[in-house]
Amino acid sequence: MQLVQILLPLYDNSGQHFGEELYTQMRRELTERFGGLTAFTSAPAQGLWTSEGKTHRDDIVVFEVMADELDTQWWSHYRQKLERMFRQDTIVIRAQAVKIL
């Protein structure tokens, strides 16, 4: 079993909040494909990173799905789609093996 997490920005690079329709579309797509979704949206997390000596910050939400198998090709294409939708250079999607107890 794999836990897949998608880290999504709340704002574009000019500081404009993304509309709820983007997140609603993702919820629908992921729920249809994986049968469920957990979205951590009420208390945004803060992402910090340094690039060219400058610290940048993002307010993010996290979407999670559970998958029996990890289809890396599908996830790669989905990440590229999200990068276009959210106008980002990189959207982080990470996976980890999970043992259900």
Foldseek 3Di string as FASTA:
>chain_A
DKKKKWKAFQAAPVRHGDDCVVVVVVQVVCCVVQVHKDKADPQWDKDWDDDPNDIDITGIIMMIGDDPDDPPVVVVVVQVVVCVVRVHPGIDMDMDDDDDD
